[in-house]
PDB file of N, CA and C in Angstrom:
ATOM      1  N   MET A   1      92.882  76.861 102.737  1.00  0.00           N
ATOM      2  CA  MET A   1      91.537  78.011 102.928  1.00  0.00           C
ATOM      3  C   MET A   1      90.638  77.618 101.621  1.00  0.00           C
ATOM      4  N   THR A   2      89.589  76.982 101.799  1.00  0.00           N
ATOM      5  CA  THR A   2      89.150  76.786 100.267  1.00  0.00           C
ATOM      6  C   THR A   2      88.624  78.021  99.602  1.00  0.00           C
ATOM      7  N   GLY A   3      87.748  78.118  99.203  1.00  0.00           N
ATOM      8  CA  GLY A   3      87.124  79.250  98.669  1.00  0.00           C
ATOM      9  C   GLY A   3      85.963  79.622  99.022  1.00  0.00           C
ATOM     10  N   MET A   4      84.936  79.223  99.690  1.00  0.00           N
ATOM     11  CA  MET A   4      84.418  79.491 100.609  1.00  0.00           C
ATOM     12  C   MET A   4      84.781  80.146 102.037  1.00  0.00           C
ATOM     13  N   GLN A   5      85.731  79.138 102.284  1.00  0.00           N
ATOM     14  CA  GLN A   5      86.456  80.008 103.431  1.00  0.00           C
ATOM     15  C   GLN A   5      86.689  81.209 103.406  1.00  0.00           C
ATOM     16  N   SER A   6      87.550  81.546 102.313  1.00  0.00           N
ATOM     17  CA  SER A   6      88.112  82.460 101.797  1.00  0.00           C
ATOM     18  C   SER A   6      87.023  83.809 101.165  1.00  0.00           C
ATOM     19  N   ILE A   7      85.914  83.436 101.457  1.00  0.00           N
ATOM     20  CA  ILE A   7      85.391  84.564 100.803  1.00  0.00           C
ATOM     21  C   ILE A   7      84.118  84.826 102.350  1.00  0.00           C
ATOM     22  N   ILE A   8      84.438  83.608 103.203  1.00  0.00           N
ATOM     23  CA  ILE A   8      83.151  84.243 104.791  1.00  0.00           C
ATOM     24  C   ILE A   8      84.235  85.242 105.192  1.00  0.00           C
ATOM     25  N   THR A   9      85.343  84.807 104.952  1.00  0.00           N
ATOM     26  CA  THR A   9      86.330  85.488 106.106  1.00  0.00           C
ATOM     27  C   THR A   9      86.958  86.719 105.459  1.00  0.00           C
ATOM     28  N   ILE A  10      86.506  87.476 103.648  1.00  0.00           N
ATOM     29  CA  ILE A  10      86.441  88.793 103.161  1.00  0.00           C
ATOM     30  C   ILE A  10      85.396  89.295 104.203  1.00  0.00           C
ATOM     31  N   PHE A  11      84.539  88.471 103.667  1.00  0.00           N
ATOM     32  CA  PHE A  11      82.902  89.350 104.429  1.00  0.00           C
ATOM     33  C   PHE A  11      82.830  89.406 105.739  1.00  0.00           C
ATOM     34  N   ALA A  12      83.723  89.108 106.231  1.00  0.00           N
ATOM     35  CA  ALA A  12      83.820  88.780 107.634  1.00  0.00           C
ATOM     36  C   ALA A  12      84.900  90.165 108.055  1.00  0.00           C
ATOM     37  N   VAL A  13      85.986  90.455 107.436  1.00  0.00           N
ATOM     38  CA  VAL A  13      86.249  91.572 107.959  1.00  0.00           C
ATOM     39  C   VAL A  13      86.209  92.659 107.267  1.00  0.00           C
ATOM     40  N   ILE A  14      85.315  92.822 105.646  1.00  0.00           N
ATOM     41  CA  ILE A  14      84.341  93.885 105.725  1.00  0.00           C
ATOM     42  C   ILE A  14      83.547  94.130 106.509  1.00  0.00           C
ATOM     43  N   LEU A  15      82.436  93.676 107.186  1.00  0.00           N
ATOM     44  CA  LEU A  15      81.244  93.775 108.172  1.00  0.00           C
ATOM     45  C   LEU A  15      82.260  93.944 109.427  1.00  0.00           C
ATOM     46  N   GLY A  16      83.300  93.740 109.656  1.00  0.00           N
ATOM     47  CA  GLY A  16      83.895  94.061 110.894  1.00  0.00           C
ATOM     48  C   GLY A  16      83.883  95.625 110.955  1.00  0.00           C
ATOM     49  N   THR A  17      85.080  95.564 109.622  1.00  0.00           N
ATOM     50  CA  THR A  17      85.740  97.006 109.162  1.00  0.00           C
ATOM     51  C   THR A  17      84.368  98.374 109.167  1.00  0.00           C
ATOM     52  N   MET A  18      83.200  98.017 108.307  1.00  0.00           N
ATOM     53  CA  MET A  18      81.789  99.071 108.286  1.00  0.00           C
ATOM     54  C   MET A  18      81.473  99.139 109.665  1.00  0.00           C
ATOM     55  N   LEU A  19      81.820  98.284 110.564  1.00  0.00           N
ATOM     56  CA  LEU A  19      80.459  97.921 112.212  1.00  0.00           C
ATOM     57  C   LEU A  19      81.673  99.612 112.396  1.00  0.00           C
ATOM     58  N   THR A  20      83.068  99.347 112.542  1.00  0.00           N
ATOM     59  CA  THR A  20      83.866 100.020 113.307  1.00  0.00           C
ATOM     60  C   THR A  20      83.490 101.372 113.106  1.00  0.00           C
ATOM     61  N   ARG A  21      83.544 101.547 111.523  1.00  0.00           N
ATOM     62  CA  ARG A  21      83.497 102.863 110.742  1.00  0.00           C
ATOM     63  C   ARG A  21      82.270 103.743 111.068  1.00  0.00           C
ATOM     64  N   PHE A  22      81.038 102.855 111.073  1.00  0.00           N
ATOM     65  CA  PHE A  22      80.040 103.940 110.745  1.00  0.00           C
ATOM     66  C   PHE A  22      78.892 103.583 112.700  1.00  0.00           C
ATOM     67  N   LEU A  23      79.266 102.793 113.230  1.00  0.00           N
ATOM     68  CA  LEU A  23      78.923 102.836 114.275  1.00  0.00           C
ATOM     69  C   LEU A  23      78.532 103.946 115.128  1.00  0.00           C
ATOM     70  N   PRO A  24      79.813 104.637 115.319  1.00  0.00           N
ATOM     71  CA  PRO A  24      79.989 106.101 116.062  1.00  0.00           C
ATOM     72  C   PRO A  24      78.772 106.933 116.006  1.00  0.00           C
ATOM     73  N   PHE A  25      78.858 107.121 114.386  1.00  0.00           N
ATOM     74  CA  PHE A  25      77.481 108.404 113.894  1.00  0.00           C
ATOM     75  C   PHE A  25      76.166 107.302 113.617  1.00  0.00           C
ATOM     76  N   PHE A  26      75.916 106.072 113.774  1.00  0.00           N
ATOM     77  CA  PHE A  26      74.465 105.949 114.968  1.00  0.00           C
ATOM     78  C   PHE A  26      74.523 106.275 116.060  1.00  0.00           C
ATOM     79  N   ILE A  27      75.609 105.910 116.944  1.00  0.00           N
ATOM     80  CA  ILE A  27      75.188 106.047 118.327  1.00  0.00           C
ATOM     81  C   ILE A  27      75.291 107.545 118.816  1.00  0.00           C
ATOM     82  N   PHE A  28      76.276 108.620 118.610  1.00  0.00           N
ATOM     83  CA  PHE A  28      76.122 109.349 118.392  1.00  0.00           C
ATOM     84  C   PHE A  28      75.926 110.654 117.159  1.00  0.00           C
ATOM     85  N   PRO A  29      74.554 110.945 116.839  1.00  0.00           N
ATOM     86  CA  PRO A  29      74.499 112.050 115.698  1.00  0.00           C
ATOM     87  C   PRO A  29      74.714 112.833 115.740  1.00  0.00           C
ATOM     88  N   GLU A  30      74.518 113.400 114.412  1.00  0.00           N
ATOM     89  CA  GLU A  30      74.823 115.298 114.513  1.00  0.00           C
ATOM     90  C   GLU A  30      74.531 116.005 115.514  1.00  0.00           C
ATOM     91  N   GLY A  31      73.329 115.752 116.351  1.00  0.00           N
ATOM     92  CA  GLY A  31      72.436 116.537 116.843  1.00  0.00           C
ATOM     93  C   GLY A  31      73.198 116.440 118.575  1.00  0.00           C
ATOM     94  N   LYS A  32      73.120 115.053 118.374  1.00  0.00           N
ATOM     95  CA  LYS A  32      73.037 114.582 119.893  1.00  0.00           C
ATOM     96  C   LYS A  32      74.298 114.799 120.314  1.00  0.00           C
ATOM     97  N   VAL A  33      74.882 115.450 121.649  1.00  0.00           N
ATOM     98  CA  VAL A  33      75.586 115.700 122.615  1.00  0.00           C
ATOM     99  C   VAL A  33      76.434 114.754 123.079  1.00  0.00           C
ATOM    100  N   PRO A  34      77.694 114.170 122.481  1.00  0.00           N
ATOM    101  CA  PRO A  34      77.988 113.422 123.699  1.00  0.00           C
ATOM    102  C   PRO A  34      78.738 113.251 124.379  1.00  0.00           C
ATOM    103  N   PRO A  35      78.857 112.086 125.382  1.00  0.00           N
ATOM    104  CA  PRO A  35      78.625 111.954 127.068  1.00  0.00           C
ATOM    105  C   PRO A  35      80.667 113.318 126.937  1.00  0.00           C
ATOM    106  N   LYS A  36      80.028 113.247 128.198  1.00  0.00           N
ATOM    107  CA  LYS A  36      80.993 114.120 128.420  1.00  0.00           C
ATOM    108  C   LYS A  36      83.286 113.211 128.290  1.00  0.00           C
ATOM    109  N   PHE A  37      82.384 111.997 129.204  1.00  0.00           N
ATOM    110  CA  PHE A  37      83.751 111.172 128.620  1.00  0.00           C
ATOM    111  C   PHE A  37      84.130 110.747 127.614  1.00  0.00           C
ATOM    112  N   ILE A  38      83.258 110.792 126.412  1.00  0.00           N
ATOM    113  CA  ILE A  38      83.550 110.464 125.152  1.00  0.00           C
ATOM    114  C   ILE A  38      84.341 111.781 124.484  1.00  0.00           C
ATOM    115  N   THR A  39      84.042 112.736 124.981  1.00  0.00           N
ATOM    116  CA  THR A  39      84.870 114.277 124.601  1.00  0.00           C
ATOM    117  C   THR A  39      85.896 114.324 125.000  1.00  0.00           C
ATOM    118  N   TYR A  40      86.470 114.146 126.668  1.00  0.00           N
ATOM    119  CA  TYR A  40      87.592 113.670 127.271  1.00  0.00           C
ATOM    120  C   TYR A  40      88.209 112.749 126.618  1.00  0.00           C
ATOM    121  N   LEU A  41      87.876 111.590 125.750  1.00  0.00           N
ATOM    122  CA  LEU A  41      88.984 110.376 125.349  1.00  0.00           C
ATOM    123  C   LEU A  41      89.182 110.847 123.710  1.00  0.00           C
ATOM    124  N   GLY A  42      88.175 111.694 123.392  1.00  0.00           N
ATOM    125  CA  GLY A  42      88.684 112.310 122.181  1.00  0.00           C
ATOM    126  C   GLY A  42      89.242 113.419 121.986  1.00  0.00           C
ATOM    127  N   THR A  43      89.503 114.455 123.007  1.00  0.00           N
ATOM    128  CA  THR A  43      91.043 115.120 123.723  1.00  0.00           C
ATOM    129  C   THR A  43      92.113 114.406 124.060  1.00  0.00           C
ATOM    130  N   VAL A  44      91.963 112.941 124.622  1.00  0.00           N
ATOM    131  CA  VAL A  44      93.484 112.532 125.310  1.00  0.00           C
ATOM    132  C   VAL A  44      93.812 112.124 124.302  1.00  0.00           C
ATOM    133  N   LEU A  45      92.991 111.012 123.876  1.00  0.00           N
ATOM    134  CA  LEU A  45      93.674 109.539 123.024  1.00  0.00           C
ATOM    135  C   LEU A  45      94.857 110.454 121.814  1.00  0.00           C
ATOM    136  N   PRO A  46      94.493 111.203 121.507  1.00  0.00           N
ATOM    137  CA  PRO A  46      95.511 111.499 120.179  1.00  0.00           C
ATOM    138  C   PRO A  46      96.866 111.519 120.395  1.00  0.00           C
ATOM    139  N   TYR A  47      96.882 112.277 121.365  1.00  0.00           N
ATOM    140  CA  TYR A  47      98.373 112.497 122.588  1.00  0.00           C
ATOM    141  C   TYR A  47      99.003 110.972 122.971  1.00  0.00           C
ATOM    142  N   ALA A  48      97.663 110.151 123.740  1.00  0.00           N
ATOM    143  CA  ALA A  48      98.451 108.735 123.963  1.00  0.00           C
ATOM    144  C   ALA A  48      98.620 107.906 122.977  1.00  0.00           C
ATOM    145  N   VAL A  49      98.082 107.700 121.911  1.00  0.00           N
ATOM    146  CA  VAL A  49      97.969 106.921 120.686  1.00  0.00           C
ATOM    147  C   VAL A  49      99.737 107.731 120.409  1.00  0.00           C
ATOM    148  N   ILE A  50      99.677 109.243 119.949  1.00  0.00           N
ATOM    149  CA  ILE A  50     101.524 109.108 119.587  1.00  0.00           C
ATOM    150  C   ILE A  50     102.501 108.807 120.194  1.00  0.00           C
ATOM    151  N   GLY A  51     102.573 109.035 121.570  1.00  0.00           N
ATOM    152  CA  GLY A  51     103.130 108.630 122.786  1.00  0.00           C
ATOM    153  C   GLY A  51     103.205 107.112 122.306  1.00  0.00           C
ATOM    154  N   LEU A  52     102.382 106.465 122.420  1.00  0.00           N
ATOM    155  CA  LEU A  52     102.678 104.960 121.960  1.00  0.00           C
ATOM    156  C   LEU A  52     103.524 104.201 120.392  1.00  0.00           C
ATOM    157  N   LEU A  53     102.963 105.067 119.828  1.00  0.00           N
ATOM    158  CA  LEU A  53     104.173 104.730 118.514  1.00  0.00           C
ATOM    159  C   LEU A  53     105.320 105.219 119.014  1.00  0.00           C
ATOM    160  N   VAL A  54     105.595 106.580 118.901  1.00  0.00           N
ATOM    161  CA  VAL A  54     107.372 107.011 119.279  1.00  0.00           C
ATOM    162  C   VAL A  54     108.145 105.181 120.041  1.00  0.00           C
ATOM    163  N   VAL A  55     107.495 105.406 121.401  1.00  0.00           N
ATOM    164  CA  VAL A  55     107.876 104.491 122.449  1.00  0.00           C
ATOM    165  C   VAL A  55     107.507 102.891 121.412  1.00  0.00           C
ATOM    166  N   TYR A  56     106.662 102.340 120.390  1.00  0.00           N
ATOM    167  CA  TYR A  56     107.106 101.565 119.843  1.00  0.00           C
ATOM    168  C   TYR A  56     108.068 101.664 118.958  1.00  0.00           C
ATOM    169  N   CYS A  57     108.245 102.212 118.335  1.00  0.00           N
ATOM    170  CA  CYS A  57     109.271 102.450 117.077  1.00  0.00           C
ATOM    171  C   CYS A  57     110.517 102.690 117.788  1.00  0.00           C
ATOM    172  N   VAL A  58     110.439 103.516 118.743  1.00  0.00           N
ATOM    173  CA  VAL A  58     112.388 103.058 118.697  1.00  0.00           C
ATOM    174  C   VAL A  58     113.037 102.676 120.406  1.00  0.00           C
ATOM    175  N   LYS A  59     111.896 101.246 120.357  1.00  0.00           N
ATOM    176  CA  LYS A  59     112.202 100.446 121.441  1.00  0.00           C
ATOM    177  C   LYS A  59     112.984  99.461 121.937  1.00  0.00           C
ATOM    178  N   ASP A  60     113.462  99.113 119.855  1.00  0.00           N
ATOM    179  CA  ASP A  60     114.507  98.239 119.729  1.00  0.00           C
ATOM    180  C   ASP A  60     116.061  99.345 118.891  1.00  0.00           C
ATOM    181  N   ALA A  61     116.070 100.485 119.597  1.00  0.00           N
ATOM    182  CA  ALA A  61     116.516 101.232 119.209  1.00  0.00           C
ATOM    183  C   ALA A  61     117.759 100.929 120.639  1.00  0.00           C
ATOM    184  N   LEU A  62     119.315 100.780 119.694  1.00  0.00           N
ATOM    185  CA  LEU A  62     120.195 101.028 120.500  1.00  0.00           C
ATOM    186  C   LEU A  62     121.179 102.247 120.900  1.00  0.00           C
ATOM    187  N   TRP A  63     120.644 102.322 121.739  1.00  0.00           N
ATOM    188  CA  TRP A  63     120.857 103.987 122.357  1.00  0.00           C
ATOM    189  C   TRP A  63     122.673 103.956 122.813  1.00  0.00           C
ATOM    190  N   THR A  64     122.550 102.861 123.273  1.00  0.00           N
ATOM    191  CA  THR A  64     124.876 103.034 123.438  1.00  0.00           C
ATOM    192  C   THR A  64     125.693 103.226 122.049  1.00  0.00           C
ATOM    193  N   SER A  65     124.879 102.615 121.454  1.00  0.00           N
ATOM    194  CA  SER A  65     126.128 103.187 119.896  1.00  0.00           C
ATOM    195  C   SER A  65     125.538 104.030 118.957  1.00  0.00           C
ATOM    196  N   PHE A  66     126.358 103.752 117.903  1.00  0.00           N
ATOM    197  CA  PHE A  66     125.229 105.364 116.418  1.00  0.00           C
ATOM    198  C   PHE A  66     124.181 103.918 115.937  1.00  0.00           C
ATOM    199  N   HIS A  67     123.619 103.028 116.454  1.00  0.00           N
ATOM    200  CA  HIS A  67     122.337 102.435 116.030  1.00  0.00           C
ATOM    201  C   HIS A  67     121.409 103.383 116.291  1.00  0.00           C
ATOM    202  N   GLY A  68     121.031 104.124 117.403  1.00  0.00           N
ATOM    203  CA  GLY A  68     120.218 104.922 117.892  1.00  0.00           C
ATOM    204  C   GLY A  68     119.817 106.290 117.445  1.00  0.00           C
ATOM    205  N   LEU A  69     121.016 106.497 116.544  1.00  0.00           N
ATOM    206  CA  LEU A  69     121.257 108.170 116.268  1.00  0.00           C
ATOM    207  C   LEU A  69     120.070 108.045 114.795  1.00  0.00           C
ATOM    208  N   PRO A  70     120.430 107.419 113.928  1.00  0.00           N
ATOM    209  CA  PRO A  70     118.775 108.196 112.699  1.00  0.00           C
ATOM    210  C   PRO A  70     117.720 108.170 113.737  1.00  0.00           C
ATOM    211  N   GLU A  71     117.054 107.301 114.582  1.00  0.00           N
ATOM    212  CA  GLU A  71     115.802 107.458 115.385  1.00  0.00           C
ATOM    213  C   GLU A  71     115.566 109.219 116.036  1.00  0.00           C
ATOM    214  N   LEU A  72     116.939 109.452 116.986  1.00  0.00           N
ATOM    215  CA  LEU A  72     117.175 110.355 117.417  1.00  0.00           C
ATOM    216  C   LEU A  72     116.976 111.908 116.508  1.00  0.00           C
ATOM    217  N   ILE A  73     118.009 111.658 115.724  1.00  0.00           N
ATOM    218  CA  ILE A  73     117.948 112.682 114.994  1.00  0.00           C
ATOM    219  C   ILE A  73     116.947 113.021 113.662  1.00  0.00           C
ATOM    220  N   ALA A  74     115.431 111.619 113.183  1.00  0.00           N
ATOM    221  CA  ALA A  74     114.650 111.947 112.971  1.00  0.00           C
ATOM    222  C   ALA A  74     113.334 112.423 113.419  1.00  0.00           C
ATOM    223  N   ILE A  75     113.601 112.259 115.352  1.00  0.00           N
ATOM    224  CA  ILE A  75     112.512 112.658 116.166  1.00  0.00           C
ATOM    225  C   ILE A  75     112.677 113.924 116.533  1.00  0.00           C
ATOM    226  N   LEU A  76     113.893 114.699 116.334  1.00  0.00           N
ATOM    227  CA  LEU A  76     114.486 115.950 116.855  1.00  0.00           C
ATOM    228  C   LEU A  76     113.654 117.128 115.125  1.00  0.00           C
ATOM    229  N   PHE A  77     114.328 116.112 114.330  1.00  0.00           N
ATOM    230  CA  PHE A  77     113.401 116.917 113.329  1.00  0.00           C
ATOM    231  C   PHE A  77     112.304 117.028 113.001  1.00  0.00           C
ATOM    232  N   ILE A  78     111.414 115.818 113.929  1.00  0.00           N
ATOM    233  CA  ILE A  78     109.858 115.730 112.899  1.00  0.00           C
ATOM    234  C   ILE A  78     109.798 116.842 115.061  1.00  0.00           C
ATOM    235  N   ILE A  79     110.046 116.851 115.746  1.00  0.00           N
ATOM    236  CA  ILE A  79     109.692 117.956 116.910  1.00  0.00           C
ATOM    237  C   ILE A  79     109.834 119.521 116.022  1.00  0.00           C
ATOM    238  N   VAL A  80     111.028 119.949 115.163  1.00  0.00           N
ATOM    239  CA  VAL A  80     111.466 120.962 114.458  1.00  0.00           C
ATOM    240  C   VAL A  80     110.322 121.815 113.425  1.00  0.00           C
ATOM    241  N   ILE A  81     110.461 120.429 112.831  1.00  0.00           N
ATOM    242  CA  ILE A  81     109.309 120.681 111.452  1.00  0.00           C
ATOM    243  C   ILE A  81     107.570 120.917 112.108  1.00  0.00           C
ATOM    244  N   HIS A  82     107.301 120.311 112.659  1.00  0.00           N
ATOM    245  CA  HIS A  82     105.774 121.067 113.407  1.00  0.00           C
ATOM    246  C   HIS A  82     105.963 121.944 114.216  1.00  0.00           C
ATOM    247  N   LYS A  83     106.982 122.509 115.097  1.00  0.00           N
ATOM    248  CA  LYS A  83     106.699 123.086 115.648  1.00  0.00           C
ATOM    249  C   LYS A  83     106.886 124.651 115.127  1.00  0.00           C
ATOM    250  N   TRP A  84     107.599 124.454 113.318  1.00  0.00           N
ATOM    251  CA  TRP A  84     107.894 125.589 112.311  1.00  0.00           C
ATOM    252  C   TRP A  84     106.571 125.478 111.278  1.00  0.00           C
ATOM    253  N   LYS A  85     105.909 124.406 111.107  1.00  0.00           N
ATOM    254  CA  LYS A  85     104.930 124.595 110.291  1.00  0.00           C
ATOM    255  C   LYS A  85     103.877 124.512 111.001  1.00  0.00           C
ATOM    256  N   LYS A  86     103.493 124.250 112.073  1.00  0.00           N
ATOM    257  CA  LYS A  86     102.021 123.292 112.997  1.00  0.00           C
ATOM    258  C   LYS A  86     101.236 122.373 111.861  1.00  0.00           C
ATOM    259  N   CYS A  87     101.920 121.215 111.776  1.00  0.00           N
ATOM    260  CA  CYS A  87     101.157 120.369 110.404  1.00  0.00           C
ATOM    261  C   CYS A  87     101.180 119.432 110.715  1.00  0.00           C
ATOM    262  N   THR A  88     100.618 118.087 111.314  1.00  0.00           N
ATOM    263  CA  THR A  88     100.973 116.590 111.884  1.00  0.00           C
ATOM    264  C   THR A  88     101.358 115.625 109.870  1.00  0.00           C
ATOM    265  N   LEU A  89     100.823 116.041 109.575  1.00  0.00           N
ATOM    266  CA  LEU A  89     100.945 115.337 108.061  1.00  0.00           C
ATOM    267  C   LEU A  89     102.289 115.599 108.039  1.00  0.00           C
ATOM    268  N   LEU A  90     102.907 116.400 107.690  1.00  0.00           N
ATOM    269  CA  LEU A  90     103.635 116.749 106.898  1.00  0.00           C
ATOM    270  C   LEU A  90     104.886 116.749 108.113  1.00  0.00           C
ATOM    271  N   SER A  91     104.886 116.878 109.137  1.00  0.00           N
ATOM    272  CA  SER A  91     106.374 116.301 110.551  1.00  0.00           C
ATOM    273  C   SER A  91     106.204 115.108 110.151  1.00  0.00           C
ATOM    274  N   ILE A  92     105.080 114.162 110.111  1.00  0.00           N
ATOM    275  CA  ILE A  92     105.459 112.460 110.164  1.00  0.00           C
ATOM    276  C   ILE A  92     105.776 112.331 108.942  1.00  0.00           C
ATOM    277  N   GLY A  93     105.513 112.536 108.189  1.00  0.00           N
ATOM    278  CA  GLY A  93     106.248 112.785 106.579  1.00  0.00           C
ATOM    279  C   GLY A  93     107.174 112.669 106.420  1.00  0.00           C
ATOM    280  N   ALA A  94     107.991 113.906 106.696  1.00  0.00           N
ATOM    281  CA  ALA A  94     109.071 114.482 105.986  1.00  0.00           C
ATOM    282  C   ALA A  94     109.738 113.628 107.223  1.00  0.00           C
ATOM    283  N   GLY A  95     109.740 113.326 108.502  1.00  0.00           N
ATOM    284  CA  GLY A  95     110.407 113.144 109.607  1.00  0.00           C
ATOM    285  C   GLY A  95     110.375 111.142 108.734  1.00  0.00           C
ATOM    286  N   THR A  96     109.521 110.249 108.510  1.00  0.00           N
ATOM    287  CA  THR A  96     109.985 109.160 107.721  1.00  0.00           C
ATOM    288  C   THR A  96     110.395 109.325 106.812  1.00  0.00           C
ATOM    289  N   ILE A  97     110.256 109.791 105.618  1.00  0.00           N
ATOM    290  CA  ILE A  97     111.762 110.353 104.797  1.00  0.00           C
ATOM    291  C   ILE A  97     113.041 110.193 105.275  1.00  0.00           C
ATOM    292  N   LEU A  98     113.059 111.308 105.768  1.00  0.00           N
ATOM    293  CA  LEU A  98     114.727 111.674 106.318  1.00  0.00           C
ATOM    294  C   LEU A  98     114.750 110.268 107.412  1.00  0.00           C
ATOM    295  N   TYR A  99     114.260 109.861 108.144  1.00  0.00           N
ATOM    296  CA  TYR A  99     114.843 108.502 108.550  1.00  0.00           C
ATOM    297  C   TYR A  99     115.038 107.149 107.488  1.00  0.00           C
ATOM    298  N   MET A 100     113.912 107.214 106.917  1.00  0.00           N
ATOM    299  CA  MET A 100     114.499 106.593 105.887  1.00  0.00           C
ATOM    300  C   MET A 100     115.932 106.203 105.055  1.00  0.00           C
ATOM    301  N   VAL A 101     116.025 107.629 104.582  1.00  0.00           N
ATOM    302  CA  VAL A 101     117.603 108.317 103.672  1.00  0.00           C
ATOM    303  C   VAL A 101     118.313 107.826 104.769  1.00  0.00           C
ATOM    304  N   LEU A 102     118.409 108.517 106.308  1.00  0.00           N
ATOM    305  CA  LEU A 102     119.766 108.092 107.662  1.00  0.00           C
ATOM    306  C   LEU A 102     119.695 106.760 106.554  1.00  0.00           C
ATOM    307  N   VAL A 103     118.512 105.960 106.904  1.00  0.00           N
ATOM    308  CA  VAL A 103     118.882 103.887 107.416  1.00  0.00           C
ATOM    309  C   VAL A 103     119.337 103.702 106.017  1.00  0.00           C
ATOM    310  N   GLN A 104     119.045 104.398 105.051  1.00  0.00           N
ATOM    311  CA  GLN A 104     119.378 103.678 103.532  1.00  0.00           C
ATOM    312  C   GLN A 104     120.566 104.395 103.158  1.00  0.00           C
ATOM    313  N   THR A 105     121.212 105.226 103.850  1.00  0.00           N
ATOM    314  CA  THR A 105     122.194 105.984 103.150  1.00  0.00           C
ATOM    315  C   THR A 105     123.723 106.074 104.003  1.00  0.00           C
ATOM    316  N   CYS A 106     123.050 106.291 105.136  1.00  0.00           N
ATOM    317  CA  CYS A 106     123.915 107.529 105.865  1.00  0.00           C
ATOM    318  C   CYS A 106     124.334 105.495 107.426  1.00  0.00           C
ATOM    319  N   PHE A 107     123.419 105.455 107.754  1.00  0.00           N
ATOM    320  CA  PHE A 107     123.247 104.394 108.997  1.00  0.00           C
ATOM    321  C   PHE A 107     123.034 102.469 108.253  1.00  0.00           C
ATOM    322  N   ARG A 108     124.214 102.492 107.347  1.00  0.00           N
ATOM    323  CA  ARG A 108     124.277 100.758 107.302  1.00  0.00           C
ATOM    324  C   ARG A 108     124.635 100.315 107.859  1.00  0.00           C
TER     325      ARG A 108
END
């Protein structure tokens, strides 16, 4: 890739990122009520995305041996932390740290 192609690629990525970030604020300004479908998607999509991420993370786990055990322990830990503290960021962060510790130390 030449220098000019690199610059064009970087600007295309910047433009695409800015467009996806700022376009919703132009389409749905603060005083305007969004359509019911958009409100519905705002309520449903976060749960669907989390479910999709969980399925993606455990798709390669071998549940017939101990290779799926760190994933199961981390998932149960995330559920317990989230029910206890009701903080999504804390539960995901703590679960990720626990999973990495389990994989790096206990389940090599």
